[in-house]
Amino acid sequence: MIFKVYYQESIYQMPVRENTKTLYVEGESEREVRKKLADRPYNIEYITKLSGKYLEYEKQSEDFKVLEIE
């Protein structure tokens, strides 16, 4: 499954919509995605699973690149 992660680049940064970044991560669950990103200094706001038409829509974006994190 592919998950879309909304985050701030620093764990010390308050969530501000204009500064929110996104990335795409493959994983079995939201918990697994959080574990994969645990070593990064991100302040994760929200994680959502992409599927169906929502996933197809996201794939059309030029920013759609799935991170392969072990």
Protein backbone atom coordinates (compact mmCIF):
# COMPACT_ATOMS: atom_id res chain seq x y z
CA MET A 1 0.00 0.00 0.00
CA ILE A 2 1.05 3.56 -0.56
CA PHE A 3 0.60 6.20 2.11
CA LYS A 4 0.72 9.97 1.78
CA VAL A 5 2.50 11.64 4.69
CA TYR A 6 1.92 15.30 5.60
CA TYR A 7 4.76 16.71 7.68
CA GLN A 8 6.83 19.68 8.82
CA GLU A 9 10.59 19.44 8.25
CA SER A 10 11.45 19.89 11.93
CA ILE A 11 10.03 18.23 15.02
CA TYR A 12 10.30 21.63 16.70
CA GLN A 13 8.20 23.39 14.07
CA MET A 14 4.55 24.06 14.76
CA PRO A 15 2.26 22.79 11.99
CA VAL A 16 1.56 25.64 9.57
CA ARG A 17 -0.42 24.77 6.46
CA GLU A 18 1.78 26.88 4.18
CA ASN A 19 4.89 24.98 5.33
CA THR A 20 3.42 21.49 5.18
CA LYS A 21 5.28 19.12 2.89
CA THR A 22 4.19 15.72 1.59
CA LEU A 23 5.87 12.49 0.69
CA TYR A 24 4.74 9.05 -0.38
CA VAL A 25 5.86 5.90 1.39
CA GLU A 26 5.09 2.24 0.70
CA GLY A 27 4.15 0.13 3.71
CA GLU A 28 1.71 -2.39 5.15
CA SER A 29 0.18 -0.03 7.72
CA GLU A 30 0.33 3.50 9.11
CA ARG A 31 2.32 2.14 12.05
CA GLU A 32 4.95 0.68 9.70
CA VAL A 33 5.23 3.99 7.85
CA ARG A 34 5.76 5.83 11.16
CA LYS A 35 8.50 3.34 12.09
CA LYS A 36 10.20 3.85 8.72
CA LEU A 37 10.23 7.62 9.26
CA ALA A 38 11.19 7.51 12.96
CA ASP A 39 14.86 8.31 12.31
CA ARG A 40 14.03 11.47 10.38
CA PRO A 41 13.46 14.80 12.16
CA TYR A 42 9.93 15.23 10.79
CA ASN A 43 6.90 16.47 12.66
CA ILE A 44 4.31 14.17 11.09
CA GLU A 45 0.88 15.78 10.95
CA TYR A 46 -1.17 13.15 9.19
CA ILE A 47 -0.83 9.90 7.25
CA THR A 48 -3.47 8.67 4.83
CA LYS A 49 -3.69 5.50 2.75
CA LEU A 50 -4.01 6.04 -0.99
CA SER A 51 -6.10 3.68 -3.06
CA GLY A 52 -8.46 3.60 -6.00
CA LYS A 53 -9.20 6.85 -7.78
CA TYR A 54 -7.42 8.90 -5.12
CA LEU A 55 -4.18 6.99 -5.82
CA GLU A 56 -4.64 7.36 -9.58
CA TYR A 57 -5.14 11.12 -9.13
CA GLU A 58 -1.98 11.43 -7.01
CA LYS A 59 0.05 9.47 -9.60
CA GLN A 60 -0.68 12.22 -12.15
CA SER A 61 1.23 14.75 -10.04
CA GLU A 62 4.80 15.49 -11.10
CA ASP A 63 5.76 15.31 -7.40
CA PHE A 64 4.55 11.71 -7.05
CA LYS A 65 7.62 9.67 -6.08
CA VAL A 66 7.30 6.77 -3.66
CA LEU A 67 10.17 6.60 -1.19
CA GLU A 68 11.61 3.15 -0.74
CA ILE A 69 12.63 3.00 2.89
CA GLU A 70 13.71 -0.24 4.55
